Amino acid sequence: MMINGRNRGVTLVEILVVIGVILILMAITVPIMSSAKRSAKVTATMVRLRNQWVALSLYRSDYEGDGRYGTSPEMGLPKFQTRSMAVIDQTWPPPCGVHPDLWVSFWVRCFCGQDGMSEEELKAVLPKCRERIAEESNIYRENWILLIEDNCSDPEVKLKNDYQRKRAVGVFLSGQVKLRVGIGDHLKPGWWANPE
């Protein structure tokens, strides 16, 4: 810009004002963007769990699963090497990422024991596990939680600490998918049935 035949540069105050406006806009948009990103990850997790429920239902009906819960062959499911259901679920990492406290993709509440267990170990585990499942599913019926994905909790949250707020996605026996945020043991069906 020419004023009285001289070039006028940008002043320090003008630069600071522009930088201030940019910082204010960033302060407004960054939380909105991170919230939208988390919401998208949770939605992807909900879709993923619903698909796992459909896959379990179809597999069990194809192989005439008798509705009993226990080891994978008794349930009409393929053999699992871990509780992560890696046989059915090939997507890794999960949409929310991998929580530092976890070594599995998601929890299967109806699964009793692992395929590598000896006969004695299975005999010790199965009766109590089946009793727990029968009791819980009888109390909660179609609201009994079947699959739980807890990778959506904040990384600094200790998942085994019952006094920290956790964020988890679960699918019920009925096929309904729910996001739940709360304090307590997220692996128990009561945590899902009694929202705060």
C-alpha atoms as a PDB file:
ATOM      1  CA  MET A   1       0.000   0.000   0.000  1.00  0.00           C
ATOM      2  CA  MET A   2       1.341   3.410  -0.920  1.00  0.00           C
ATOM      3  CA  ILE A   3       0.824   6.325   1.466  1.00  0.00           C
ATOM      4  CA  ASN A   4       2.410   9.649   0.451  1.00  0.00           C
ATOM      5  CA  GLY A   5       4.747   7.840  -1.926  1.00  0.00           C
ATOM      6  CA  ARG A   6       6.082   5.442   0.790  1.00  0.00           C
ATOM      7  CA  ASN A   7       5.466   1.694   1.221  1.00  0.00           C
ATOM      8  CA  ARG A   8       3.585   0.889   4.417  1.00  0.00           C
ATOM      9  CA  GLY A   9       4.242  -2.581   5.845  1.00  0.00           C
ATOM     10  CA  VAL A  10       2.085  -4.647   8.170  1.00  0.00           C
ATOM     11  CA  THR A  11       2.394  -3.549  11.760  1.00  0.00           C
ATOM     12  CA  LEU A  12       3.129  -5.840  14.680  1.00  0.00           C
ATOM     13  CA  VAL A  13      -0.303  -5.094  16.155  1.00  0.00           C
ATOM     14  CA  GLU A  14      -2.048  -6.248  12.958  1.00  0.00           C
ATOM     15  CA  ILE A  15      -0.064  -9.501  12.932  1.00  0.00           C
ATOM     16  CA  LEU A  16      -0.907 -10.133  16.583  1.00  0.00           C
ATOM     17  CA  VAL A  17      -4.607  -9.485  15.925  1.00  0.00           C
ATOM     18  CA  VAL A  18      -4.646 -11.983  13.039  1.00  0.00           C
ATOM     19  CA  ILE A  19      -2.825 -14.600  15.129  1.00  0.00           C
ATOM     20  CA  GLY A  20      -5.252 -13.978  18.006  1.00  0.00           C
ATOM     21  CA  VAL A  21      -8.279 -14.487  15.732  1.00  0.00           C
ATOM     22  CA  ILE A  22      -6.801 -17.736  14.357  1.00  0.00           C
ATOM     23  CA  LEU A  23      -6.120 -19.040  17.893  1.00  0.00           C
ATOM     24  CA  ILE A  24      -9.674 -18.209  19.000  1.00  0.00           C
ATOM     25  CA  LEU A  25     -11.112 -20.056  15.988  1.00  0.00           C
ATOM     26  CA  MET A  26      -8.889 -23.066  16.708  1.00  0.00           C
ATOM     27  CA  ALA A  27      -9.932 -23.062  20.380  1.00  0.00           C
ATOM     28  CA  ILE A  28     -13.572 -23.231  19.265  1.00  0.00           C
ATOM     29  CA  THR A  29     -13.225 -25.861  16.528  1.00  0.00           C
ATOM     30  CA  VAL A  30     -10.724 -28.350  18.045  1.00  0.00           C
ATOM     31  CA  PRO A  31     -13.070 -29.617  20.823  1.00  0.00           C
ATOM     32  CA  ILE A  32     -15.928 -29.887  18.347  1.00  0.00           C
ATOM     33  CA  MET A  33     -13.778 -31.883  15.922  1.00  0.00           C
ATOM     34  CA  SER A  34     -12.447 -34.235  18.615  1.00  0.00           C
ATOM     35  CA  SER A  35     -15.991 -34.825  19.893  1.00  0.00           C
ATOM     36  CA  ALA A  36     -17.170 -35.631  16.352  1.00  0.00           C
ATOM     37  CA  LYS A  37     -14.212 -37.982  15.866  1.00  0.00           C
ATOM     38  CA  ARG A  38     -14.989 -39.870  19.107  1.00  0.00           C
ATOM     39  CA  SER A  39     -18.660 -40.078  18.156  1.00  0.00           C
ATOM     40  CA  ALA A  40     -17.742 -41.569  14.773  1.00  0.00           C
ATOM     41  CA  LYS A  41     -15.498 -44.179  16.427  1.00  0.00           C
ATOM     42  CA  VAL A  42     -18.241 -45.161  18.878  1.00  0.00           C
ATOM     43  CA  THR A  43     -20.752 -45.470  16.032  1.00  0.00           C
ATOM     44  CA  ALA A  44     -18.325 -47.680  14.081  1.00  0.00           C
ATOM     45  CA  THR A  45     -17.885 -49.832  17.209  1.00  0.00           C
ATOM     46  CA  MET A  46     -21.669 -50.169  17.592  1.00  0.00           C
ATOM     47  CA  VAL A  47     -22.011 -51.283  13.966  1.00  0.00           C
ATOM     48  CA  ARG A  48     -19.133 -53.735  14.420  1.00  0.00           C
ATOM     49  CA  LEU A  49     -20.669 -55.321  17.534  1.00  0.00           C
ATOM     50  CA  ARG A  50     -24.072 -55.611  15.890  1.00  0.00           C
ATOM     51  CA  ASN A  51     -22.388 -57.405  12.981  1.00  0.00           C
ATOM     52  CA  GLN A  52     -20.692 -59.777  15.444  1.00  0.00           C
ATOM     53  CA  TRP A  53     -24.065 -60.528  17.026  1.00  0.00           C
ATOM     54  CA  VAL A  54     -25.520 -61.284  13.567  1.00  0.00           C
ATOM     55  CA  ALA A  55     -22.510 -63.482  12.722  1.00  0.00           C
ATOM     56  CA  LEU A  56     -22.876 -65.421  15.995  1.00  0.00           C
ATOM     57  CA  SER A  57     -26.607 -65.883  15.459  1.00  0.00           C
ATOM     58  CA  LEU A  58     -26.208 -67.058  11.865  1.00  0.00           C
ATOM     59  CA  TYR A  59     -23.340 -69.395  12.681  1.00  0.00           C
ATOM     60  CA  ARG A  60     -25.207 -70.955  15.593  1.00  0.00           C
ATOM     61  CA  SER A  61     -28.375 -71.436  13.522  1.00  0.00           C
ATOM     62  CA  ASP A  62     -26.427 -72.945  10.599  1.00  0.00           C
ATOM     63  CA  TYR A  63     -24.734 -75.442  12.904  1.00  0.00           C
ATOM     64  CA  GLU A  64     -27.812 -76.058  15.042  1.00  0.00           C
ATOM     65  CA  GLY A  65     -26.484 -74.479  18.234  1.00  0.00           C
ATOM     66  CA  ASP A  66     -28.806 -75.613  20.993  1.00  0.00           C
ATOM     67  CA  GLY A  67     -28.881 -72.316  22.889  1.00  0.00           C
ATOM     68  CA  ARG A  68     -26.542 -73.598  25.602  1.00  0.00           C
ATOM     69  CA  TYR A  69     -23.592 -71.478  26.558  1.00  0.00           C
ATOM     70  CA  GLY A  70     -20.233 -72.970  27.389  1.00  0.00           C
ATOM     71  CA  THR A  71     -17.216 -73.893  25.292  1.00  0.00           C
ATOM     72  CA  SER A  72     -17.132 -72.803  21.665  1.00  0.00           C
ATOM     73  CA  PRO A  73     -17.972 -76.262  20.166  1.00  0.00           C
ATOM     74  CA  GLU A  74     -20.953 -76.624  22.536  1.00  0.00           C
ATOM     75  CA  MET A  75     -22.226 -73.248  21.374  1.00  0.00           C
ATOM     76  CA  GLY A  76     -21.947 -74.215  17.711  1.00  0.00           C
ATOM     77  CA  LEU A  77     -19.079 -71.778  17.162  1.00  0.00           C
ATOM     78  CA  PRO A  78     -15.652 -72.187  15.597  1.00  0.00           C
ATOM     79  CA  LYS A  79     -12.832 -72.944  18.029  1.00  0.00           C
ATOM     80  CA  PHE A  80     -11.315 -69.834  19.611  1.00  0.00           C
ATOM     81  CA  GLN A  81      -7.665 -69.602  20.522  1.00  0.00           C
ATOM     82  CA  THR A  82      -8.350 -66.574  22.739  1.00  0.00           C
ATOM     83  CA  ARG A  83     -11.413 -64.786  24.015  1.00  0.00           C
ATOM     84  CA  SER A  84     -10.941 -62.168  21.289  1.00  0.00           C
ATOM     85  CA  MET A  85     -13.094 -63.938  18.705  1.00  0.00           C
ATOM     86  CA  ALA A  86     -10.377 -63.340  16.124  1.00  0.00           C
ATOM     87  CA  VAL A  87     -11.858 -66.177  14.038  1.00  0.00           C
ATOM     88  CA  ILE A  88     -15.012 -64.187  13.304  1.00  0.00           C
ATOM     89  CA  ASP A  89     -13.700 -60.658  13.678  1.00  0.00           C
ATOM     90  CA  GLN A  90     -10.886 -59.905  11.240  1.00  0.00           C
ATOM     91  CA  THR A  91     -10.874 -56.107  11.718  1.00  0.00           C
ATOM     92  CA  TRP A  92      -7.883 -54.957  13.730  1.00  0.00           C
ATOM     93  CA  PRO A  93      -7.340 -52.569  15.406  1.00  0.00           C
ATOM     94  CA  PRO A  94     -10.861 -51.854  16.701  1.00  0.00           C
ATOM     95  CA  PRO A  95     -12.478 -48.539  15.634  1.00  0.00           C
ATOM     96  CA  CYS A  96     -11.769 -46.880  19.019  1.00  0.00           C
ATOM     97  CA  GLY A  97      -8.175 -48.131  19.018  1.00  0.00           C
ATOM     98  CA  VAL A  98      -6.717 -50.519  21.585  1.00  0.00           C
ATOM     99  CA  HIS A  99      -7.015 -49.582  25.245  1.00  0.00           C
ATOM    100  CA  PRO A 100      -3.732 -50.049  27.187  1.00  0.00           C
ATOM    101  CA  ASP A 101      -5.476 -52.328  29.744  1.00  0.00           C
ATOM    102  CA  LEU A 102      -6.804 -54.785  27.146  1.00  0.00           C
ATOM    103  CA  TRP A 103      -5.404 -57.819  25.390  1.00  0.00           C
ATOM    104  CA  VAL A 104      -8.634 -58.808  23.648  1.00  0.00           C
ATOM    105  CA  SER A 105     -10.763 -57.292  20.935  1.00  0.00           C
ATOM    106  CA  PHE A 106     -13.998 -57.611  22.910  1.00  0.00           C
ATOM    107  CA  TRP A 107     -15.490 -59.729  25.685  1.00  0.00           C
ATOM    108  CA  VAL A 108     -17.859 -62.629  25.049  1.00  0.00           C
ATOM    109  CA  ARG A 109     -19.854 -63.123  28.242  1.00  0.00           C
ATOM    110  CA  CYS A 110     -21.354 -66.464  27.231  1.00  0.00           C
ATOM    111  CA  PHE A 111     -18.016 -68.118  26.516  1.00  0.00           C
ATOM    112  CA  CYS A 112     -16.735 -70.454  29.245  1.00  0.00           C
ATOM    113  CA  GLY A 113     -13.122 -71.521  29.180  1.00  0.00           C
ATOM    114  CA  GLN A 114     -10.578 -71.512  26.371  1.00  0.00           C
ATOM    115  CA  ASP A 115      -9.808 -74.161  23.795  1.00  0.00           C
ATOM    116  CA  GLY A 116      -6.327 -74.794  25.235  1.00  0.00           C
ATOM    117  CA  MET A 117      -7.679 -75.825  28.652  1.00  0.00           C
ATOM    118  CA  SER A 118      -7.238 -79.362  29.897  1.00  0.00           C
ATOM    119  CA  GLU A 119     -10.238 -81.580  30.720  1.00  0.00           C
ATOM    120  CA  GLU A 120      -9.700 -81.021  34.450  1.00  0.00           C
ATOM    121  CA  GLU A 121      -9.585 -77.245  34.043  1.00  0.00           C
ATOM    122  CA  LEU A 122     -12.773 -77.284  31.964  1.00  0.00           C
ATOM    123  CA  LYS A 123     -14.536 -79.511  34.492  1.00  0.00           C
ATOM    124  CA  ALA A 124     -13.660 -77.001  37.203  1.00  0.00           C
ATOM    125  CA  VAL A 125     -14.711 -73.922  35.190  1.00  0.00           C
ATOM    126  CA  LEU A 126     -17.813 -75.031  33.269  1.00  0.00           C
ATOM    127  CA  PRO A 127     -20.338 -75.722  36.071  1.00  0.00           C
ATOM    128  CA  LYS A 128     -19.847 -72.351  37.794  1.00  0.00           C
ATOM    129  CA  CYS A 129     -19.740 -70.512  34.493  1.00  0.00           C
ATOM    130  CA  ARG A 130     -22.954 -72.142  33.241  1.00  0.00           C
ATOM    131  CA  GLU A 131     -24.618 -71.463  36.575  1.00  0.00           C
ATOM    132  CA  ARG A 132     -23.641 -67.791  36.379  1.00  0.00           C
ATOM    133  CA  ILE A 133     -24.862 -67.498  32.785  1.00  0.00           C
ATOM    134  CA  ALA A 134     -28.164 -69.262  33.528  1.00  0.00           C
ATOM    135  CA  GLU A 135     -28.790 -67.063  36.568  1.00  0.00           C
ATOM    136  CA  GLU A 136     -27.866 -63.818  34.814  1.00  0.00           C
ATOM    137  CA  SER A 137     -29.762 -64.565  31.610  1.00  0.00           C
ATOM    138  CA  ASN A 138     -32.810 -65.617  33.632  1.00  0.00           C
ATOM    139  CA  ILE A 139     -32.755 -62.325  35.582  1.00  0.00           C
ATOM    140  CA  TYR A 140     -32.077 -60.020  32.623  1.00  0.00           C
ATOM    141  CA  ARG A 141     -33.567 -62.154  29.793  1.00  0.00           C
ATOM    142  CA  GLU A 142     -33.169 -60.366  26.427  1.00  0.00           C
ATOM    143  CA  ASN A 143     -31.427 -57.496  28.273  1.00  0.00           C
ATOM    144  CA  TRP A 144     -28.568 -59.820  29.204  1.00  0.00           C
ATOM    145  CA  ILE A 145     -25.313 -58.377  27.860  1.00  0.00           C
ATOM    146  CA  LEU A 146     -23.623 -60.745  25.409  1.00  0.00           C
ATOM    147  CA  LEU A 147     -20.682 -58.878  23.814  1.00  0.00           C
ATOM    148  CA  ILE A 148     -18.785 -55.959  25.349  1.00  0.00           C
ATOM    149  CA  GLU A 149     -16.297 -53.630  23.645  1.00  0.00           C
ATOM    150  CA  ASP A 150     -14.482 -51.403  26.141  1.00  0.00           C
ATOM    151  CA  ASN A 151     -11.727 -49.956  23.947  1.00  0.00           C
ATOM    152  CA  CYS A 152     -13.707 -46.685  23.736  1.00  0.00           C
ATOM    153  CA  SER A 153     -12.824 -45.756  27.329  1.00  0.00           C
ATOM    154  CA  ASP A 154     -10.251 -43.006  27.772  1.00  0.00           C
ATOM    155  CA  PRO A 155      -6.673 -44.403  27.751  1.00  0.00           C
ATOM    156  CA  GLU A 156      -5.907 -43.144  31.271  1.00  0.00           C
ATOM    157  CA  VAL A 157      -8.887 -45.056  32.746  1.00  0.00           C
ATOM    158  CA  LYS A 158      -8.002 -48.324  34.496  1.00  0.00           C
ATOM    159  CA  LEU A 159     -10.716 -50.733  33.359  1.00  0.00           C
ATOM    160  CA  LYS A 160     -10.443 -52.929  36.451  1.00  0.00           C
ATOM    161  CA  ASN A 161     -10.938 -49.949  38.766  1.00  0.00           C
ATOM    162  CA  ASP A 162     -14.623 -49.881  39.729  1.00  0.00           C
ATOM    163  CA  TYR A 163     -14.382 -46.235  40.829  1.00  0.00           C
ATOM    164  CA  GLN A 164     -13.435 -44.758  37.464  1.00  0.00           C
ATOM    165  CA  ARG A 165     -15.860 -43.702  34.734  1.00  0.00           C
ATOM    166  CA  LYS A 166     -15.763 -46.076  31.762  1.00  0.00           C
ATOM    167  CA  ARG A 167     -17.231 -45.888  28.275  1.00  0.00           C
ATOM    168  CA  ALA A 168     -18.273 -49.210  26.762  1.00  0.00           C
ATOM    169  CA  VAL A 169     -20.421 -50.480  23.912  1.00  0.00           C
ATOM    170  CA  GLY A 170     -22.394 -53.687  24.310  1.00  0.00           C
ATOM    171  CA  VAL A 171     -24.834 -55.857  22.414  1.00  0.00           C
ATOM    172  CA  PHE A 172     -27.592 -57.652  24.282  1.00  0.00           C
ATOM    173  CA  LEU A 173     -28.981 -61.131  23.734  1.00  0.00           C
ATOM    174  CA  SER A 174     -31.885 -59.447  21.918  1.00  0.00           C
ATOM    175  CA  GLY A 175     -29.487 -57.789  19.444  1.00  0.00           C
ATOM    176  CA  GLN A 176     -29.932 -54.277  20.828  1.00  0.00           C
ATOM    177  CA  VAL A 177     -26.674 -52.271  20.874  1.00  0.00           C
ATOM    178  CA  LYS A 178     -26.044 -49.698  23.619  1.00  0.00           C
ATOM    179  CA  LEU A 179     -23.375 -47.177  24.551  1.00  0.00           C
ATOM    180  CA  ARG A 180     -23.010 -46.863  28.309  1.00  0.00           C
ATOM    181  CA  VAL A 181     -20.873 -44.461  30.337  1.00  0.00           C
ATOM    182  CA  GLY A 182     -20.680 -45.006  34.069  1.00  0.00           C
ATOM    183  CA  ILE A 183     -18.772 -46.019  37.192  1.00  0.00           C
ATOM    184  CA  GLY A 184     -18.582 -49.647  38.310  1.00  0.00           C
ATOM    185  CA  ASP A 185     -17.754 -53.072  36.853  1.00  0.00           C
ATOM    186  CA  HIS A 186     -18.641 -52.852  33.164  1.00  0.00           C
ATOM    187  CA  LEU A 187     -18.303 -56.633  32.731  1.00  0.00           C
ATOM    188  CA  LYS A 188     -21.375 -57.293  34.912  1.00  0.00           C
ATOM    189  CA  PRO A 189     -24.901 -57.181  33.458  1.00  0.00           C
ATOM    190  CA  GLY A 190     -26.148 -54.965  36.314  1.00  0.00           C
ATOM    191  CA  TRP A 191     -23.897 -52.140  35.097  1.00  0.00           C
ATOM    192  CA  TRP A 192     -25.771 -52.199  31.791  1.00  0.00           C
ATOM    193  CA  ALA A 193     -29.234 -52.618  33.283  1.00  0.00           C
ATOM    194  CA  ASN A 194     -28.996 -49.771  35.818  1.00  0.00           C
ATOM    195  CA  PRO A 195     -27.828 -46.565  34.118  1.00  0.00           C
ATOM    196  CA  GLU A 196     -26.848 -43.665  36.413  1.00  0.00           C
END
